[in-house]
Amino acid sequence: MKTVKISLNSIDKVKSFVNEITKFDSDFDLVSGRYVIDAKSIMGIFSLDLSKPIDLNIHAQDSLDVILEALAPYIVE
């Protein structure tokens, strides 16, 4: 599992983010405080506080480099 911080501070970013990660078979969780939601769920994402970066847990072993490359526009350092 790999954890990265991402920023989804607009509706368009949320839509494009979900479109990107649904291309992968791996599981993705968004963690904000004590809430953990499926990152492929648009409704779940909108239930989180999107004003600050949130943690994305990526449950993948083999295609991790490809996933990180696809998610590069959302990742914050």
PDB file of N, CA and C in Angstrom:
ATOM      1  N   MET A   1       0.842  -1.190   0.000  1.00  0.00           N
ATOM      2  CA  MET A   1       0.000   0.000   0.000  1.00  0.00           C
ATOM      3  C   MET A   1       0.880   1.244   0.000  1.00  0.00           C
ATOM      4  N   LYS A   2       0.473   2.233  -0.747  1.00  0.00           N
ATOM      5  CA  LYS A   2       1.187   3.517  -0.803  1.00  0.00           C
ATOM      6  C   LYS A   2       0.198   4.618  -0.453  1.00  0.00           C
ATOM      7  N   THR A   3       0.643   5.599   0.311  1.00  0.00           N
ATOM      8  CA  THR A   3      -0.203   6.735   0.685  1.00  0.00           C
ATOM      9  C   THR A   3       0.400   8.014   0.121  1.00  0.00           C
ATOM     10  N   VAL A   4      -0.437   8.798  -0.551  1.00  0.00           N
ATOM     11  CA  VAL A   4      -0.022  10.105  -1.066  1.00  0.00           C
ATOM     12  C   VAL A   4      -1.062  11.131  -0.663  1.00  0.00           C
ATOM     13  N   LYS A   5      -0.648  12.390  -0.585  1.00  0.00           N
ATOM     14  CA  LYS A   5      -1.588  13.484  -0.313  1.00  0.00           C
ATOM     15  C   LYS A   5      -2.059  14.048  -1.645  1.00  0.00           C
ATOM     16  N   ILE A   6      -3.375  14.239  -1.765  1.00  0.00           N
ATOM     17  CA  ILE A   6      -3.923  14.805  -2.988  1.00  0.00           C
ATOM     18  C   ILE A   6      -4.803  16.005  -2.662  1.00  0.00           C
ATOM     19  N   SER A   7      -4.983  16.850  -3.650  1.00  0.00           N
ATOM     20  CA  SER A   7      -5.851  18.017  -3.517  1.00  0.00           C
ATOM     21  C   SER A   7      -6.968  17.920  -4.548  1.00  0.00           C
ATOM     22  N   LEU A   8      -8.205  17.970  -4.065  1.00  0.00           N
ATOM     23  CA  LEU A   8      -9.384  17.934  -4.936  1.00  0.00           C
ATOM     24  C   LEU A   8     -10.243  19.146  -4.584  1.00  0.00           C
ATOM     25  N   ASN A   9      -9.740  20.333  -4.935  1.00  0.00           N
ATOM     26  CA  ASN A   9     -10.382  21.558  -4.466  1.00  0.00           C
ATOM     27  C   ASN A   9     -11.385  22.171  -5.444  1.00  0.00           C
ATOM     28  N   SER A  10     -11.822  21.397  -6.448  1.00  0.00           N
ATOM     29  CA  SER A  10     -12.879  21.892  -7.339  1.00  0.00           C
ATOM     30  C   SER A  10     -13.701  20.712  -7.845  1.00  0.00           C
ATOM     31  N   ILE A  11     -14.904  20.996  -8.278  1.00  0.00           N
ATOM     32  CA  ILE A  11     -15.801  19.952  -8.786  1.00  0.00           C
ATOM     33  C   ILE A  11     -15.182  19.275 -10.008  1.00  0.00           C
ATOM     34  N   ASP A  12     -14.586  20.051 -10.896  1.00  0.00           N
ATOM     35  CA  ASP A  12     -13.969  19.481 -12.097  1.00  0.00           C
ATOM     36  C   ASP A  12     -12.821  18.548 -11.743  1.00  0.00           C
ATOM     37  N   LYS A  13     -12.028  18.919 -10.724  1.00  0.00           N
ATOM     38  CA  LYS A  13     -10.922  18.055 -10.306  1.00  0.00           C
ATOM     39  C   LYS A  13     -11.445  16.735  -9.744  1.00  0.00           C
ATOM     40  N   VAL A  14     -12.534  16.786  -8.987  1.00  0.00           N
ATOM     41  CA  VAL A  14     -13.115  15.559  -8.422  1.00  0.00           C
ATOM     42  C   VAL A  14     -13.593  14.653  -9.545  1.00  0.00           C
ATOM     43  N   LYS A  15     -14.294  15.211 -10.528  1.00  0.00           N
ATOM     44  CA  LYS A  15     -14.808  14.405 -11.638  1.00  0.00           C
ATOM     45  C   LYS A  15     -13.670  13.773 -12.436  1.00  0.00           C
ATOM     46  N   SER A  16     -12.646  14.540 -12.768  1.00  0.00           N
ATOM     47  CA  SER A  16     -11.544  13.994 -13.562  1.00  0.00           C
ATOM     48  C   SER A  16     -10.733  12.978 -12.741  1.00  0.00           C
ATOM     49  N   PHE A  17     -10.604  13.212 -11.426  1.00  0.00           N
ATOM     50  CA  PHE A  17      -9.902  12.271 -10.553  1.00  0.00           C
ATOM     51  C   PHE A  17     -10.619  10.919 -10.541  1.00  0.00           C
ATOM     52  N   VAL A  18     -11.929  10.928 -10.356  1.00  0.00           N
ATOM     53  CA  VAL A  18     -12.697   9.674 -10.324  1.00  0.00           C
ATOM     54  C   VAL A  18     -12.625   8.976 -11.678  1.00  0.00           C
ATOM     55  N   ASN A  19     -12.689   9.742 -12.769  1.00  0.00           N
ATOM     56  CA  ASN A  19     -12.561   9.138 -14.100  1.00  0.00           C
ATOM     57  C   ASN A  19     -11.209   8.459 -14.275  1.00  0.00           C
ATOM     58  N   GLU A  20     -10.145   9.063 -13.738  1.00  0.00           N
ATOM     59  CA  GLU A  20      -8.805   8.472 -13.847  1.00  0.00           C
ATOM     60  C   GLU A  20      -8.690   7.179 -13.054  1.00  0.00           C
ATOM     61  N   ILE A  21      -9.125   7.197 -11.780  1.00  0.00           N
ATOM     62  CA  ILE A  21      -8.879   6.011 -10.955  1.00  0.00           C
ATOM     63  C   ILE A  21      -9.828   4.861 -11.278  1.00  0.00           C
ATOM     64  N   THR A  22     -10.960   5.127 -11.904  1.00  0.00           N
ATOM     65  CA  THR A  22     -11.848   4.017 -12.272  1.00  0.00           C
ATOM     66  C   THR A  22     -11.253   3.186 -13.414  1.00  0.00           C
ATOM     67  N   LYS A  23     -10.205   3.684 -14.061  1.00  0.00           N
ATOM     68  CA  LYS A  23      -9.527   2.923 -15.118  1.00  0.00           C
ATOM     69  C   LYS A  23      -8.685   1.779 -14.540  1.00  0.00           C
ATOM     70  N   PHE A  24      -8.422   1.834 -13.234  1.00  0.00           N
ATOM     71  CA  PHE A  24      -7.572   0.836 -12.586  1.00  0.00           C
ATOM     72  C   PHE A  24      -8.416  -0.134 -11.770  1.00  0.00           C
ATOM     73  N   ASP A  25      -7.958  -1.406 -11.707  1.00  0.00           N
ATOM     74  CA  ASP A  25      -8.672  -2.431 -10.949  1.00  0.00           C
ATOM     75  C   ASP A  25      -8.358  -2.381  -9.458  1.00  0.00           C
ATOM     76  N   SER A  26      -7.333  -1.652  -9.080  1.00  0.00           N
ATOM     77  CA  SER A  26      -6.913  -1.601  -7.674  1.00  0.00           C
ATOM     78  C   SER A  26      -7.938  -0.868  -6.816  1.00  0.00           C
ATOM     79  N   ASP A  27      -7.790  -1.041  -5.489  1.00  0.00           N
ATOM     80  CA  ASP A  27      -8.658  -0.333  -4.549  1.00  0.00           C
ATOM     81  C   ASP A  27      -7.977   0.957  -4.105  1.00  0.00           C
ATOM     82  N   PHE A  28      -8.789   1.991  -3.929  1.00  0.00           N
ATOM     83  CA  PHE A  28      -8.301   3.296  -3.496  1.00  0.00           C
ATOM     84  C   PHE A  28      -9.195   3.776  -2.357  1.00  0.00           C
ATOM     85  N   ASP A  29      -8.582   4.258  -1.270  1.00  0.00           N
ATOM     86  CA  ASP A  29      -9.332   4.817  -0.145  1.00  0.00           C
ATOM     87  C   ASP A  29      -8.882   6.251   0.089  1.00  0.00           C
ATOM     88  N   LEU A  30      -9.843   7.126   0.358  1.00  0.00           N
ATOM     89  CA  LEU A  30      -9.530   8.486   0.774  1.00  0.00           C
ATOM     90  C   LEU A  30      -9.735   8.571   2.278  1.00  0.00           C
ATOM     91  N   VAL A  31      -8.749   9.141   2.976  1.00  0.00           N
ATOM     92  CA  VAL A  31      -8.796   9.232   4.432  1.00  0.00           C
ATOM     93  C   VAL A  31      -8.744  10.698   4.828  1.00  0.00           C
ATOM     94  N   SER A  32      -9.789  11.127   5.530  1.00  0.00           N
ATOM     95  CA  SER A  32      -9.846  12.497   6.031  1.00  0.00           C
ATOM     96  C   SER A  32     -10.290  12.425   7.487  1.00  0.00           C
ATOM     97  N   GLY A  33      -9.334  12.651   8.398  1.00  0.00           N
ATOM     98  CA  GLY A  33      -9.645  12.509   9.822  1.00  0.00           C
ATOM     99  C   GLY A  33      -9.999  11.068  10.130  1.00  0.00           C
ATOM    100  N   ARG A  34     -11.194  10.850  10.665  1.00  0.00           N
ATOM    101  CA  ARG A  34     -11.609   9.482  10.997  1.00  0.00           C
ATOM    102  C   ARG A  34     -12.467   8.855   9.912  1.00  0.00           C
ATOM    103  N   TYR A  35     -12.671   9.560   8.815  1.00  0.00           N
ATOM    104  CA  TYR A  35     -13.490   9.049   7.719  1.00  0.00           C
ATOM    105  C   TYR A  35     -12.629   8.367   6.660  1.00  0.00           C
ATOM    106  N   VAL A  36     -13.045   7.190   6.238  1.00  0.00           N
ATOM    107  CA  VAL A  36     -12.391   6.458   5.153  1.00  0.00           C
ATOM    108  C   VAL A  36     -13.467   6.120   4.136  1.00  0.00           C
ATOM    109  N   ILE A  37     -13.293   6.594   2.898  1.00  0.00           N
ATOM    110  CA  ILE A  37     -14.303   6.335   1.875  1.00  0.00           C
ATOM    111  C   ILE A  37     -13.636   5.782   0.617  1.00  0.00           C
ATOM    112  N   ASP A  38     -14.419   5.105  -0.195  1.00  0.00           N
ATOM    113  CA  ASP A  38     -13.949   4.569  -1.469  1.00  0.00           C
ATOM    114  C   ASP A  38     -13.692   5.752  -2.407  1.00  0.00           C
ATOM    115  N   ALA A  39     -12.461   5.846  -2.921  1.00  0.00           N
ATOM    116  CA  ALA A  39     -12.096   6.993  -3.761  1.00  0.00           C
ATOM    117  C   ALA A  39     -12.785   6.958  -5.123  1.00  0.00           C
ATOM    118  N   LYS A  40     -13.415   5.837  -5.478  1.00  0.00           N
ATOM    119  CA  LYS A  40     -14.130   5.758  -6.757  1.00  0.00           C
ATOM    120  C   LYS A  40     -15.568   6.242  -6.638  1.00  0.00           C
ATOM    121  N   SER A  41     -15.956   6.687  -5.455  1.00  0.00           N
ATOM    122  CA  SER A  41     -17.322   7.158  -5.197  1.00  0.00           C
ATOM    123  C   SER A  41     -17.367   8.683  -5.185  1.00  0.00           C
ATOM    124  N   ILE A  42     -17.973   9.253  -6.212  1.00  0.00           N
ATOM    125  CA  ILE A  42     -18.077  10.719  -6.276  1.00  0.00           C
ATOM    126  C   ILE A  42     -18.864  11.261  -5.086  1.00  0.00           C
ATOM    127  N   MET A  43     -19.974  10.612  -4.756  1.00  0.00           N
ATOM    128  CA  MET A  43     -20.786  11.081  -3.629  1.00  0.00           C
ATOM    129  C   MET A  43     -19.997  11.006  -2.325  1.00  0.00           C
ATOM    130  N   GLY A  44     -19.217   9.951  -2.156  1.00  0.00           N
ATOM    131  CA  GLY A  44     -18.393   9.831  -0.961  1.00  0.00           C
ATOM    132  C   GLY A  44     -17.364  10.938  -0.867  1.00  0.00           C
ATOM    133  N   ILE A  45     -16.737  11.266  -1.990  1.00  0.00           N
ATOM    134  CA  ILE A  45     -15.726  12.325  -2.010  1.00  0.00           C
ATOM    135  C   ILE A  45     -16.340  13.669  -1.613  1.00  0.00           C
ATOM    136  N   PHE A  46     -17.540  13.954  -2.112  1.00  0.00           N
ATOM    137  CA  PHE A  46     -18.175  15.234  -1.787  1.00  0.00           C
ATOM    138  C   PHE A  46     -18.629  15.318  -0.327  1.00  0.00           C
ATOM    139  N   SER A  47     -18.617  14.186   0.395  1.00  0.00           N
ATOM    140  CA  SER A  47     -18.973  14.219   1.817  1.00  0.00           C
ATOM    141  C   SER A  47     -17.771  14.616   2.675  1.00  0.00           C
ATOM    142  N   LEU A  48     -16.577  14.698   2.056  1.00  0.00           N
ATOM    143  CA  LEU A  48     -15.362  15.059   2.791  1.00  0.00           C
ATOM    144  C   LEU A  48     -15.109  16.564   2.729  1.00  0.00           C
ATOM    145  N   ASP A  49     -14.243  17.033   3.614  1.00  0.00           N
ATOM    146  CA  ASP A  49     -13.792  18.426   3.583  1.00  0.00           C
ATOM    147  C   ASP A  49     -12.696  18.536   2.529  1.00  0.00           C
ATOM    148  N   LEU A  50     -13.016  19.138   1.385  1.00  0.00           N
ATOM    149  CA  LEU A  50     -12.071  19.205   0.268  1.00  0.00           C
ATOM    150  C   LEU A  50     -11.249  20.492   0.261  1.00  0.00           C
ATOM    151  N   SER A  51     -11.375  21.303   1.313  1.00  0.00           N
ATOM    152  CA  SER A  51     -10.638  22.567   1.344  1.00  0.00           C
ATOM    153  C   SER A  51      -9.153  22.364   1.637  1.00  0.00           C
ATOM    154  N   LYS A  52      -8.784  21.191   2.154  1.00  0.00           N
ATOM    155  CA  LYS A  52      -7.368  20.908   2.425  1.00  0.00           C
ATOM    156  C   LYS A  52      -7.016  19.545   1.842  1.00  0.00           C
ATOM    157  N   PRO A  53      -5.715  19.285   1.645  1.00  0.00           N
ATOM    158  CA  PRO A  53      -5.304  18.003   1.057  1.00  0.00           C
ATOM    159  C   PRO A  53      -5.759  16.824   1.903  1.00  0.00           C
ATOM    160  N   ILE A  54      -6.061  15.704   1.228  1.00  0.00           N
ATOM    161  CA  ILE A  54      -6.487  14.493   1.917  1.00  0.00           C
ATOM    162  C   ILE A  54      -5.578  13.336   1.498  1.00  0.00           C
ATOM    163  N   ASP A  55      -5.527  12.312   2.339  1.00  0.00           N
ATOM    164  CA  ASP A  55      -4.674  11.150   2.071  1.00  0.00           C
ATOM    165  C   ASP A  55      -5.379  10.170   1.146  1.00  0.00           C
ATOM    166  N   LEU A  56      -4.642   9.689   0.163  1.00  0.00           N
ATOM    167  CA  LEU A  56      -5.136   8.648  -0.738  1.00  0.00           C
ATOM    168  C   LEU A  56      -4.303   7.397  -0.503  1.00  0.00           C
ATOM    169  N   ASN A  57      -4.957   6.317  -0.066  1.00  0.00           N
ATOM    170  CA  ASN A  57      -4.293   5.026   0.100  1.00  0.00           C
ATOM    171  C   ASN A  57      -4.500   4.215  -1.170  1.00  0.00           C
ATOM    172  N   ILE A  58      -3.398   3.811  -1.784  1.00  0.00           N
ATOM    173  CA  ILE A  58      -3.454   3.035  -3.024  1.00  0.00           C
ATOM    174  C   ILE A  58      -3.089   1.591  -2.682  1.00  0.00           C
ATOM    175  N   HIS A  59      -4.032   0.677  -2.886  1.00  0.00           N
ATOM    176  CA  HIS A  59      -3.802  -0.740  -2.587  1.00  0.00           C
ATOM    177  C   HIS A  59      -3.447  -1.463  -3.882  1.00  0.00           C
ATOM    178  N   ALA A  60      -2.205  -1.280  -4.329  1.00  0.00           N
ATOM    179  CA  ALA A  60      -1.745  -1.894  -5.581  1.00  0.00           C
ATOM    180  C   ALA A  60      -0.272  -2.246  -5.431  1.00  0.00           C
ATOM    181  N   GLN A  61       0.140  -3.313  -6.096  1.00  0.00           N
ATOM    182  CA  GLN A  61       1.545  -3.687  -6.067  1.00  0.00           C
ATOM    183  C   GLN A  61       2.203  -3.508  -7.428  1.00  0.00           C
ATOM    184  N   ASP A  62       1.604  -4.071  -8.462  1.00  0.00           N
ATOM    185  CA  ASP A  62       2.290  -4.165  -9.743  1.00  0.00           C
ATOM    186  C   ASP A  62       2.256  -2.883 -10.581  1.00  0.00           C
ATOM    187  N   SER A  63       1.150  -2.192 -10.655  1.00  0.00           N
ATOM    188  CA  SER A  63       1.029  -1.035 -11.558  1.00  0.00           C
ATOM    189  C   SER A  63       1.144   0.296 -10.821  1.00  0.00           C
ATOM    190  N   LEU A  64       1.855   0.321  -9.706  1.00  0.00           N
ATOM    191  CA  LEU A  64       1.932   1.526  -8.881  1.00  0.00           C
ATOM    192  C   LEU A  64       2.526   2.717  -9.633  1.00  0.00           C
ATOM    193  N   ASP A  65       3.580   2.502 -10.430  1.00  0.00           N
ATOM    194  CA  ASP A  65       4.190   3.603 -11.183  1.00  0.00           C
ATOM    195  C   ASP A  65       3.207   4.213 -12.171  1.00  0.00           C
ATOM    196  N   VAL A  66       2.442   3.374 -12.840  1.00  0.00           N
ATOM    197  CA  VAL A  66       1.453   3.854 -13.814  1.00  0.00           C
ATOM    198  C   VAL A  66       0.370   4.655 -13.106  1.00  0.00           C
ATOM    199  N   ILE A  67      -0.072   4.165 -11.951  1.00  0.00           N
ATOM    200  CA  ILE A  67      -1.113   4.858 -11.177  1.00  0.00           C
ATOM    201  C   ILE A  67      -0.606   6.222 -10.711  1.00  0.00           C
ATOM    202  N   LEU A  68       0.595   6.262 -10.163  1.00  0.00           N
ATOM    203  CA  LEU A  68       1.148   7.533  -9.672  1.00  0.00           C
ATOM    204  C   LEU A  68       1.335   8.536 -10.805  1.00  0.00           C
ATOM    205  N   GLU A  69       1.707   8.046 -11.969  1.00  0.00           N
ATOM    206  CA  GLU A  69       1.858   8.938 -13.120  1.00  0.00           C
ATOM    207  C   GLU A  69       0.499   9.526 -13.527  1.00  0.00           C
ATOM    208  N   ALA A  70      -0.537   8.693 -13.519  1.00  0.00           N
ATOM    209  CA  ALA A  70      -1.875   9.157 -13.890  1.00  0.00           C
ATOM    210  C   ALA A  70      -2.430  10.146 -12.867  1.00  0.00           C
ATOM    211  N   LEU A  71      -2.031   9.997 -11.592  1.00  0.00           N
ATOM    212  CA  LEU A  71      -2.553  10.846 -10.528  1.00  0.00           C
ATOM    213  C   LEU A  71      -1.668  12.060 -10.234  1.00  0.00           C
ATOM    214  N   ALA A  72      -0.588  12.224 -10.990  1.00  0.00           N
ATOM    215  CA  ALA A  72       0.356  13.320 -10.741  1.00  0.00           C
ATOM    216  C   ALA A  72      -0.291  14.710 -10.662  1.00  0.00           C
ATOM    217  N   PRO A  73      -1.307  15.032 -11.496  1.00  0.00           N
ATOM    218  CA  PRO A  73      -1.903  16.378 -11.374  1.00  0.00           C
ATOM    219  C   PRO A  73      -2.604  16.652 -10.045  1.00  0.00           C
ATOM    220  N   TYR A  74      -2.928  15.621  -9.295  1.00  0.00           N
ATOM    221  CA  TYR A  74      -3.682  15.787  -8.047  1.00  0.00           C
ATOM    222  C   TYR A  74      -2.789  15.702  -6.811  1.00  0.00           C
ATOM    223  N   ILE A  75      -1.598  15.142  -6.971  1.00  0.00           N
ATOM    224  CA  ILE A  75      -0.714  14.907  -5.827  1.00  0.00           C
ATOM    225  C   ILE A  75      -0.052  16.219  -5.393  1.00  0.00           C
ATOM    226  N   VAL A  76      -0.069  16.459  -4.075  1.00  0.00           N
ATOM    227  CA  VAL A  76       0.624  17.624  -3.503  1.00  0.00           C
ATOM    228  C   VAL A  76       1.762  17.111  -2.639  1.00  0.00           C
ATOM    229  N   GLU A  77       2.841  17.871  -2.593  1.00  0.00           N
ATOM    230  CA  GLU A  77       4.025  17.435  -1.821  1.00  0.00           C
ATOM    231  C   GLU A  77       3.929  17.920  -0.395  1.00  0.00           C
TER     232      GLU A  77
END
